[in-house]
Structure formats: C-alpha cells, structure tokens
Amino acid sequence: MTGAEPIVRDRAPDGVSAVPASGALAATLDGSGGAGALDRDTGRLIRYAAVIASGDEEAIRAASLAAAAALPTVWVEEIILQSYIFAGFPRALNAAREWRRASGLPAPDEDEGADYGNVERWRTRGEEACAAVYGGFYEPLRANVAALHPALDAWMVVEGYGKLLGRPGLDLRRRELCVMAVCAVARQERQLHSHVHGSRHVGATPDEIRGVLAVVDDLLPEALRDRYARLVERVLNG
C-alpha cells in the first residue's frame, strides 16, 4: 500500500450504526504541530499510535472515536496490534476495547496471528522486514541482541518483525513512522534513533520523518522536543 492508493473504509455490520465522519472528531488526531510533509491520514495514524502509547483512557477513547470517523479500519487495527510490542499488552487491550466500542465493528472470526502454525513463515517474513528496516546494521543488531539474550533475538525477529510488522495490512513505511512516534512519547531515545534510520531505509522522506515529531509535538515536554529534533537532524545528515 502506498500513499497514492485510495482509502477504503469498512462498512459497519448490519444492525450497528456507523460512526459518522466528523471534522471535529478527526481534528482530535491532528495534533497542534501539523503534519508537515505527511499526508493527512498518515499523520492522523501516527498521532493515534502515539496516543495509544501515552494517553489515559479518556484520551484513547477520544482518539478511537476520531479514528473510526477518519481512518481506514485495517490501518487502525494493525496499529492496535503492533502496539502490544511497542507500548505493552495492557495498552493494546485498552485500545482494542475502545476501538470496538467506537467503530461498532466486531473482531474478525480468525487471523493468521492466532495460528502458531505460522511460526516459520513469521520467522522468514521477520528476517526480511528486519533487514529492510536496519539495512547494513541488520547483522550487528542480531548479534548485539543475541548477546543480551537469545530469546530476545528470536522474539524480535519472529514476534516483532514477522508476526507484527511484516503483516500485509499496513505498509512498512507507515508502520515505522508510527513506531518512531511511540518511541518519542515513551521517551525511548535509543530506539527512536534506530527507527529514524529504519524509516529512511523503508522509504520515508526526511520531511516525513520530521513530520512525525510535529505530529506529537504537544505530547512531549519542551526539552525533549529540542533534543529529539537534534537527534533526527543528526541521523538525516549523518
């Protein structure tokens, strides 16, 4: 999926009222800093990912209503799923609950992520996705993580990149930009640094990467806004 492809929003199931499109609701996902070079819906998706990772229940509820009004269902569900790795299982559960309530859409009857018979497929897909994100840093990364613990290396590849980031419902460029936002609001500077590189490796432009910080500007303390802006520029100009 590329930014040029049309957005298709799922119809609510029979007997459930669809959430009406609303400029006021959608604005909940626009943030105060604008999105720069990001297209509107990618900016809103990034904001949604950041709110899942940092917001309280009320903020997640408001963001879920806005997402139901403004974003493709498949994008939202993929961001909720990947939030369990990057924001933690409790926040993923909270986001999923609010999304079901806001959208009126039921969970799918089945999903490849529920079938652990796919583990070798995830491993292969994860190796490919991880290599795409880390580029020339891929082999050193694997060695460094394995030195921390071999289970972490396996989980990173199979669970993080294979079972989640390699899923077909959302392109890797948008996923990485959302991960950047989550790392920023979670104050994980080392991981933010890695995923700025990763976003570049999978096709994000420098201005799109700068746009991520603009989208989450009001979710960061002033000292971190400046610090992260300098980090981004070091990576982009390195």
C-alpha atoms as a PDB file:
ATOM      1  CA  MET A   1       0.000   0.000   0.000  1.00  0.00           C
ATOM      2  CA  THR A   2       1.311   3.418  -0.933  1.00  0.00           C
ATOM      3  CA  GLY A   3       0.199   6.895  -0.055  1.00  0.00           C
ATOM      4  CA  ALA A   4      -1.324   7.240  -3.545  1.00  0.00           C
ATOM      5  CA  GLU A   5      -3.773   4.376  -3.080  1.00  0.00           C
ATOM      6  CA  PRO A   6      -7.423   5.202  -2.318  1.00  0.00           C
ATOM      7  CA  ILE A   7      -8.703   4.880   1.225  1.00  0.00           C
ATOM      8  CA  VAL A   8     -11.495   2.358   1.689  1.00  0.00           C
ATOM      9  CA  ARG A   9     -13.364   2.403   4.982  1.00  0.00           C
ATOM     10  CA  ASP A  10     -15.215  -0.714   6.078  1.00  0.00           C
ATOM     11  CA  ARG A  11     -18.984  -0.555   6.398  1.00  0.00           C
ATOM     12  CA  ALA A  12     -20.356  -1.219   9.858  1.00  0.00           C
ATOM     13  CA  PRO A  13     -22.060  -4.624  10.227  1.00  0.00           C
ATOM     14  CA  ASP A  14     -25.843  -4.929   9.926  1.00  0.00           C
ATOM     15  CA  GLY A  15     -27.630  -3.580  12.962  1.00  0.00           C
ATOM     16  CA  VAL A  16     -24.718  -1.365  14.049  1.00  0.00           C
ATOM     17  CA  SER A  17     -24.692   2.341  13.283  1.00  0.00           C
ATOM     18  CA  ALA A  18     -21.559   3.511  11.520  1.00  0.00           C
ATOM     19  CA  VAL A  19     -19.691   6.375  13.188  1.00  0.00           C
ATOM     20  CA  PRO A  20     -20.350   9.467  11.044  1.00  0.00           C
ATOM     21  CA  ALA A  21     -17.455  11.360   9.563  1.00  0.00           C
ATOM     22  CA  SER A  22     -16.801  14.417  11.699  1.00  0.00           C
ATOM     23  CA  GLY A  23     -14.299  17.205  11.221  1.00  0.00           C
ATOM     24  CA  ALA A  24     -14.308  17.887  14.944  1.00  0.00           C
ATOM     25  CA  LEU A  25     -13.612  14.262  15.811  1.00  0.00           C
ATOM     26  CA  ALA A  26     -10.949  13.890  13.143  1.00  0.00           C
ATOM     27  CA  ALA A  27      -9.231  17.002  14.478  1.00  0.00           C
ATOM     28  CA  THR A  28      -8.539  15.056  17.678  1.00  0.00           C
ATOM     29  CA  LEU A  29      -5.884  13.213  15.690  1.00  0.00           C
ATOM     30  CA  ASP A  30      -4.336  16.266  14.055  1.00  0.00           C
ATOM     31  CA  GLY A  31      -2.244  17.472  16.989  1.00  0.00           C
ATOM     32  CA  SER A  32      -1.058  21.027  17.425  1.00  0.00           C
ATOM     33  CA  GLY A  33       2.088  20.995  15.330  1.00  0.00           C
ATOM     34  CA  GLY A  34       0.695  19.943  11.967  1.00  0.00           C
ATOM     35  CA  ALA A  35       1.965  17.044   9.902  1.00  0.00           C
ATOM     36  CA  GLY A  36       4.400  18.782   7.574  1.00  0.00           C
ATOM     37  CA  ALA A  37       5.082  16.660   4.510  1.00  0.00           C
ATOM     38  CA  LEU A  38       2.962  13.764   5.766  1.00  0.00           C
ATOM     39  CA  ASP A  39      -0.349  13.160   4.049  1.00  0.00           C
ATOM     40  CA  ARG A  40      -3.288  13.888   6.333  1.00  0.00           C
ATOM     41  CA  ASP A  41      -4.296  10.309   7.065  1.00  0.00           C
ATOM     42  CA  THR A  42      -0.765   9.100   7.722  1.00  0.00           C
ATOM     43  CA  GLY A  43      -0.325  11.990  10.150  1.00  0.00           C
ATOM     44  CA  ARG A  44      -3.526  11.009  11.919  1.00  0.00           C
ATOM     45  CA  LEU A  45      -2.472   7.377  12.106  1.00  0.00           C
ATOM     46  CA  ILE A  46       0.860   8.401  13.663  1.00  0.00           C
ATOM     47  CA  ARG A  47      -0.993  10.530  16.203  1.00  0.00           C
ATOM     48  CA  TYR A  48      -3.291   7.606  17.037  1.00  0.00           C
ATOM     49  CA  ALA A  49      -0.296   5.327  17.670  1.00  0.00           C
ATOM     50  CA  ALA A  50       1.237   7.942  19.967  1.00  0.00           C
ATOM     51  CA  VAL A  51      -1.980   8.403  21.954  1.00  0.00           C
ATOM     52  CA  ILE A  52      -2.285   4.644  22.490  1.00  0.00           C
ATOM     53  CA  ALA A  53       1.257   4.653  23.896  1.00  0.00           C
ATOM     54  CA  SER A  54       0.938   7.723  26.102  1.00  0.00           C
ATOM     55  CA  GLY A  55      -2.682   8.680  26.721  1.00  0.00           C
ATOM     56  CA  ASP A  56      -5.059   7.909  29.547  1.00  0.00           C
ATOM     57  CA  GLU A  57      -8.317   6.052  28.965  1.00  0.00           C
ATOM     58  CA  GLU A  58     -10.223   9.210  28.087  1.00  0.00           C
ATOM     59  CA  ALA A  59      -7.624  10.241  25.504  1.00  0.00           C
ATOM     60  CA  ILE A  60      -7.599   6.783  23.929  1.00  0.00           C
ATOM     61  CA  ARG A  61     -11.397   6.808  23.791  1.00  0.00           C
ATOM     62  CA  ALA A  62     -11.431  10.183  22.019  1.00  0.00           C
ATOM     63  CA  ALA A  63      -8.712   9.066  19.609  1.00  0.00           C
ATOM     64  CA  SER A  64     -10.622   5.862  18.857  1.00  0.00           C
ATOM     65  CA  LEU A  65     -13.780   7.812  18.013  1.00  0.00           C
ATOM     66  CA  ALA A  66     -11.708  10.070  15.767  1.00  0.00           C
ATOM     67  CA  ALA A  67     -10.035   7.076  14.100  1.00  0.00           C
ATOM     68  CA  ALA A  68     -13.420   5.485  13.442  1.00  0.00           C
ATOM     69  CA  ALA A  69     -14.511   8.695  11.730  1.00  0.00           C
ATOM     70  CA  ALA A  70     -11.358   9.334   9.729  1.00  0.00           C
ATOM     71  CA  LEU A  71      -9.127   6.315   9.092  1.00  0.00           C
ATOM     72  CA  PRO A  72      -9.279   3.006   7.213  1.00  0.00           C
ATOM     73  CA  THR A  73     -10.288   0.182   9.547  1.00  0.00           C
ATOM     74  CA  VAL A  74      -7.391  -2.046   8.555  1.00  0.00           C
ATOM     75  CA  TRP A  75      -4.825   0.653   9.378  1.00  0.00           C
ATOM     76  CA  VAL A  76      -6.317   1.200  12.828  1.00  0.00           C
ATOM     77  CA  GLU A  77      -6.457  -2.485  13.672  1.00  0.00           C
ATOM     78  CA  GLU A  78      -2.858  -3.017  12.549  1.00  0.00           C
ATOM     79  CA  ILE A  79      -1.636  -0.141  14.736  1.00  0.00           C
ATOM     80  CA  ILE A  80      -3.527  -1.542  17.723  1.00  0.00           C
ATOM     81  CA  LEU A  81      -1.970  -4.961  17.147  1.00  0.00           C
ATOM     82  CA  GLN A  82       1.577  -3.654  16.857  1.00  0.00           C
ATOM     83  CA  SER A  83       1.103  -1.529  19.967  1.00  0.00           C
ATOM     84  CA  TYR A  84       1.331  -4.662  22.082  1.00  0.00           C
ATOM     85  CA  ILE A  85       5.020  -4.907  21.201  1.00  0.00           C
ATOM     86  CA  PHE A  86       5.882  -1.206  21.363  1.00  0.00           C
ATOM     87  CA  ALA A  87       3.511   0.085  24.063  1.00  0.00           C
ATOM     88  CA  GLY A  88       2.709  -3.026  26.095  1.00  0.00           C
ATOM     89  CA  PHE A  89      -0.137  -5.513  26.283  1.00  0.00           C
ATOM     90  CA  PRO A  90      -2.325  -3.507  28.723  1.00  0.00           C
ATOM     91  CA  ARG A  91      -2.389  -0.503  26.394  1.00  0.00           C
ATOM     92  CA  ALA A  92      -3.086  -2.727  23.387  1.00  0.00           C
ATOM     93  CA  LEU A  93      -6.053  -4.262  25.213  1.00  0.00           C
ATOM     94  CA  ASN A  94      -7.373  -0.835  26.225  1.00  0.00           C
ATOM     95  CA  ALA A  95      -7.033   0.473  22.685  1.00  0.00           C
ATOM     96  CA  ALA A  96      -8.753  -2.589  21.220  1.00  0.00           C
ATOM     97  CA  ARG A  97     -11.645  -2.252  23.655  1.00  0.00           C
ATOM     98  CA  GLU A  98     -12.155   1.442  22.874  1.00  0.00           C
ATOM     99  CA  TRP A  99     -11.853   0.780  19.149  1.00  0.00           C
ATOM    100  CA  ARG A 100     -14.540  -1.921  19.201  1.00  0.00           C
ATOM    101  CA  ARG A 101     -16.855   0.458  21.065  1.00  0.00           C
ATOM    102  CA  ALA A 102     -16.090   3.443  18.845  1.00  0.00           C
ATOM    103  CA  SER A 103     -16.282   1.674  15.488  1.00  0.00           C
ATOM    104  CA  GLY A 104     -19.101  -0.767  16.216  1.00  0.00           C
ATOM    105  CA  LEU A 105     -17.129  -3.325  14.215  1.00  0.00           C
ATOM    106  CA  PRO A 106     -16.685  -6.865  15.581  1.00  0.00           C
ATOM    107  CA  ALA A 107     -13.353  -8.625  15.744  1.00  0.00           C
ATOM    108  CA  PRO A 108     -12.556 -10.875  12.771  1.00  0.00           C
ATOM    109  CA  ASP A 109     -13.512 -14.521  13.150  1.00  0.00           C
ATOM    110  CA  GLU A 110      -9.925 -15.591  12.542  1.00  0.00           C
ATOM    111  CA  ASP A 111      -6.486 -14.132  11.924  1.00  0.00           C
ATOM    112  CA  GLU A 112      -3.104 -15.526  10.931  1.00  0.00           C
ATOM    113  CA  GLY A 113      -1.640 -14.075  14.118  1.00  0.00           C
ATOM    114  CA  ALA A 114      -3.709 -16.508  16.161  1.00  0.00           C
ATOM    115  CA  ASP A 115      -2.239 -19.569  14.411  1.00  0.00           C
ATOM    116  CA  TYR A 116       1.179 -20.519  15.750  1.00  0.00           C
ATOM    117  CA  GLY A 117       1.497 -22.993  12.935  1.00  0.00           C
ATOM    118  CA  ASN A 118       2.713 -19.918  11.034  1.00  0.00           C
ATOM    119  CA  VAL A 119       5.836 -19.501  13.151  1.00  0.00           C
ATOM    120  CA  GLU A 120       8.304 -20.446  10.415  1.00  0.00           C
ATOM    121  CA  ARG A 121       6.506 -18.151   7.999  1.00  0.00           C
ATOM    122  CA  TRP A 122       6.786 -15.363  10.567  1.00  0.00           C
ATOM    123  CA  ARG A 123      10.473 -16.086  11.024  1.00  0.00           C
ATOM    124  CA  THR A 124      11.159 -15.731   7.301  1.00  0.00           C
ATOM    125  CA  ARG A 125       8.977 -12.657   6.992  1.00  0.00           C
ATOM    126  CA  GLY A 126      10.545 -11.194  10.118  1.00  0.00           C
ATOM    127  CA  GLU A 127      14.084 -11.645   8.829  1.00  0.00           C
ATOM    128  CA  GLU A 128      13.115  -9.857   5.621  1.00  0.00           C
ATOM    129  CA  ALA A 129      11.335  -6.986   7.371  1.00  0.00           C
ATOM    130  CA  CYS A 130      14.048  -6.543   9.992  1.00  0.00           C
ATOM    131  CA  ALA A 131      16.746  -6.499   7.315  1.00  0.00           C
ATOM    132  CA  ALA A 132      14.764  -3.889   5.367  1.00  0.00           C
ATOM    133  CA  VAL A 133      14.438  -1.659   8.425  1.00  0.00           C
ATOM    134  CA  TYR A 134      18.030  -1.959   9.647  1.00  0.00           C
ATOM    135  CA  GLY A 135      19.839  -2.213   6.316  1.00  0.00           C
ATOM    136  CA  GLY A 136      23.574  -2.568   6.860  1.00  0.00           C
ATOM    137  CA  PHE A 137      23.026  -2.586  10.620  1.00  0.00           C
ATOM    138  CA  TYR A 138      20.994  -5.814  10.475  1.00  0.00           C
ATOM    139  CA  GLU A 139      23.727  -8.360  11.211  1.00  0.00           C
ATOM    140  CA  PRO A 140      25.308  -6.300  14.035  1.00  0.00           C
ATOM    141  CA  LEU A 141      21.840  -5.776  15.501  1.00  0.00           C
ATOM    142  CA  ARG A 142      21.140  -9.515  15.577  1.00  0.00           C
ATOM    143  CA  ALA A 143      24.485 -10.182  17.222  1.00  0.00           C
ATOM    144  CA  ASN A 144      24.014  -7.428  19.801  1.00  0.00           C
ATOM    145  CA  VAL A 145      20.507  -8.521  20.771  1.00  0.00           C
ATOM    146  CA  ALA A 146      21.503 -12.185  20.951  1.00  0.00           C
ATOM    147  CA  ALA A 147      24.320 -11.159  23.299  1.00  0.00           C
ATOM    148  CA  LEU A 148      21.683  -9.654  25.602  1.00  0.00           C
ATOM    149  CA  HIS A 149      19.614 -12.853  25.470  1.00  0.00           C
ATOM    150  CA  PRO A 150      18.949 -15.328  22.633  1.00  0.00           C
ATOM    151  CA  ALA A 151      15.235 -15.315  23.411  1.00  0.00           C
ATOM    152  CA  LEU A 152      15.099 -11.554  22.846  1.00  0.00           C
ATOM    153  CA  ASP A 153      16.723 -12.009  19.429  1.00  0.00           C
ATOM    154  CA  ALA A 154      14.208 -14.697  18.449  1.00  0.00           C
ATOM    155  CA  TRP A 155      11.236 -12.708  19.744  1.00  0.00           C
ATOM    156  CA  MET A 156      12.406  -9.551  17.989  1.00  0.00           C
ATOM    157  CA  VAL A 157      12.515 -11.313  14.620  1.00  0.00           C
ATOM    158  CA  VAL A 158       9.598 -13.741  14.902  1.00  0.00           C
ATOM    159  CA  GLU A 159       7.181 -11.773  17.064  1.00  0.00           C
ATOM    160  CA  GLY A 160       8.131  -8.159  16.389  1.00  0.00           C
ATOM    161  CA  TYR A 161       9.013  -8.170  12.714  1.00  0.00           C
ATOM    162  CA  GLY A 162       7.425 -11.392  11.471  1.00  0.00           C
ATOM    163  CA  LYS A 163       4.146 -11.751  13.307  1.00  0.00           C
ATOM    164  CA  LEU A 164       3.510  -7.992  13.558  1.00  0.00           C
ATOM    165  CA  LEU A 165       5.462  -5.505  11.433  1.00  0.00           C
ATOM    166  CA  GLY A 166       5.559  -7.841   8.440  1.00  0.00           C
ATOM    167  CA  ARG A 167       1.789  -8.221   8.305  1.00  0.00           C
ATOM    168  CA  PRO A 168       0.252  -7.202   4.957  1.00  0.00           C
ATOM    169  CA  GLY A 169      -2.463  -4.869   6.316  1.00  0.00           C
ATOM    170  CA  LEU A 170      -0.227  -1.788   6.528  1.00  0.00           C
ATOM    171  CA  ASP A 171       2.929  -0.850   4.650  1.00  0.00           C
ATOM    172  CA  LEU A 172       6.259  -0.882   6.459  1.00  0.00           C
ATOM    173  CA  ARG A 173       6.899   2.827   5.867  1.00  0.00           C
ATOM    174  CA  ARG A 174       3.793   3.869   7.794  1.00  0.00           C
ATOM    175  CA  ARG A 175       4.490   1.275  10.472  1.00  0.00           C
ATOM    176  CA  GLU A 176       7.985   2.628  11.052  1.00  0.00           C
ATOM    177  CA  LEU A 177       6.797   6.222  11.231  1.00  0.00           C
ATOM    178  CA  CYS A 178       4.256   5.157  13.858  1.00  0.00           C
ATOM    179  CA  VAL A 179       6.968   3.301  15.794  1.00  0.00           C
ATOM    180  CA  MET A 180       9.032   6.495  15.746  1.00  0.00           C
ATOM    181  CA  ALA A 181       6.147   8.366  17.362  1.00  0.00           C
ATOM    182  CA  VAL A 182       5.662   5.703  20.018  1.00  0.00           C
ATOM    183  CA  CYS A 183       9.378   5.712  20.886  1.00  0.00           C
ATOM    184  CA  ALA A 184       9.309   9.505  21.161  1.00  0.00           C
ATOM    185  CA  VAL A 185       6.336   9.740  23.526  1.00  0.00           C
ATOM    186  CA  ALA A 186       7.654   6.767  25.543  1.00  0.00           C
ATOM    187  CA  ARG A 187      10.990   8.610  25.897  1.00  0.00           C
ATOM    188  CA  GLN A 188      12.968   5.734  24.415  1.00  0.00           C
ATOM    189  CA  GLU A 189      15.704   7.745  22.749  1.00  0.00           C
ATOM    190  CA  ARG A 190      17.924   4.856  21.699  1.00  0.00           C
ATOM    191  CA  GLN A 191      15.010   3.132  19.966  1.00  0.00           C
ATOM    192  CA  LEU A 192      13.869   6.404  18.423  1.00  0.00           C
ATOM    193  CA  HIS A 193      17.330   6.772  16.907  1.00  0.00           C
ATOM    194  CA  SER A 194      17.100   3.271  15.430  1.00  0.00           C
ATOM    195  CA  HIS A 195      13.667   3.829  13.954  1.00  0.00           C
ATOM    196  CA  VAL A 196      14.590   7.160  12.387  1.00  0.00           C
ATOM    197  CA  HIS A 197      17.193   5.148  10.482  1.00  0.00           C
ATOM    198  CA  GLY A 198      14.582   2.461   9.874  1.00  0.00           C
ATOM    199  CA  SER A 199      12.052   4.907   8.468  1.00  0.00           C
ATOM    200  CA  ARG A 200      14.643   6.159   5.985  1.00  0.00           C
ATOM    201  CA  HIS A 201      15.564   2.618   4.993  1.00  0.00           C
ATOM    202  CA  VAL A 202      11.956   1.750   4.109  1.00  0.00           C
ATOM    203  CA  GLY A 203      11.304   4.864   2.044  1.00  0.00           C
ATOM    204  CA  ALA A 204      10.217   7.719   4.310  1.00  0.00           C
ATOM    205  CA  THR A 205      11.471  11.115   3.209  1.00  0.00           C
ATOM    206  CA  PRO A 206      13.395  13.421   5.564  1.00  0.00           C
ATOM    207  CA  ASP A 207      10.429  15.786   5.721  1.00  0.00           C
ATOM    208  CA  GLU A 208       8.054  12.928   6.553  1.00  0.00           C
ATOM    209  CA  ILE A 209      10.355  11.926   9.402  1.00  0.00           C
ATOM    210  CA  ARG A 210      10.463  15.498  10.681  1.00  0.00           C
ATOM    211  CA  GLY A 211       6.680  15.487  10.406  1.00  0.00           C
ATOM    212  CA  VAL A 212       6.431  12.702  12.982  1.00  0.00           C
ATOM    213  CA  LEU A 213       7.862  14.999  15.635  1.00  0.00           C
ATOM    214  CA  ALA A 214       5.483  17.752  14.542  1.00  0.00           C
ATOM    215  CA  VAL A 215       2.519  15.401  14.986  1.00  0.00           C
ATOM    216  CA  VAL A 216       3.493  14.532  18.578  1.00  0.00           C
ATOM    217  CA  ASP A 217       4.938  17.929  19.499  1.00  0.00           C
ATOM    218  CA  ASP A 218       2.340  18.703  22.160  1.00  0.00           C
ATOM    219  CA  LEU A 219       2.758  15.251  23.738  1.00  0.00           C
ATOM    220  CA  LEU A 220       6.415  15.954  24.539  1.00  0.00           C
ATOM    221  CA  PRO A 221       7.999  18.236  27.125  1.00  0.00           C
ATOM    222  CA  GLU A 222       9.831  21.178  25.592  1.00  0.00           C
ATOM    223  CA  ALA A 223      13.287  19.844  26.472  1.00  0.00           C
ATOM    224  CA  LEU A 224      12.612  16.612  24.610  1.00  0.00           C
ATOM    225  CA  ARG A 225      11.181  18.408  21.564  1.00  0.00           C
ATOM    226  CA  ASP A 226      14.511  20.159  21.045  1.00  0.00           C
ATOM    227  CA  ARG A 227      16.573  17.093  21.910  1.00  0.00           C
ATOM    228  CA  TYR A 228      14.657  14.814  19.546  1.00  0.00           C
ATOM    229  CA  ALA A 229      14.718  17.381  16.757  1.00  0.00           C
ATOM    230  CA  ARG A 230      18.512  17.471  17.026  1.00  0.00           C
ATOM    231  CA  LEU A 231      18.615  13.656  17.054  1.00  0.00           C
ATOM    232  CA  VAL A 232      16.578  13.484  13.859  1.00  0.00           C
ATOM    233  CA  GLU A 233      18.800  16.007  12.115  1.00  0.00           C
ATOM    234  CA  ARG A 234      21.949  14.119  13.137  1.00  0.00           C
ATOM    235  CA  VAL A 235      20.575  10.925  11.617  1.00  0.00           C
ATOM    236  CA  LEU A 236      19.319  12.601   8.451  1.00  0.00           C
ATOM    237  CA  ASN A 237      22.563  14.475   7.906  1.00  0.00           C
ATOM    238  CA  GLY A 238      24.903  11.698   9.048  1.00  0.00           C
END
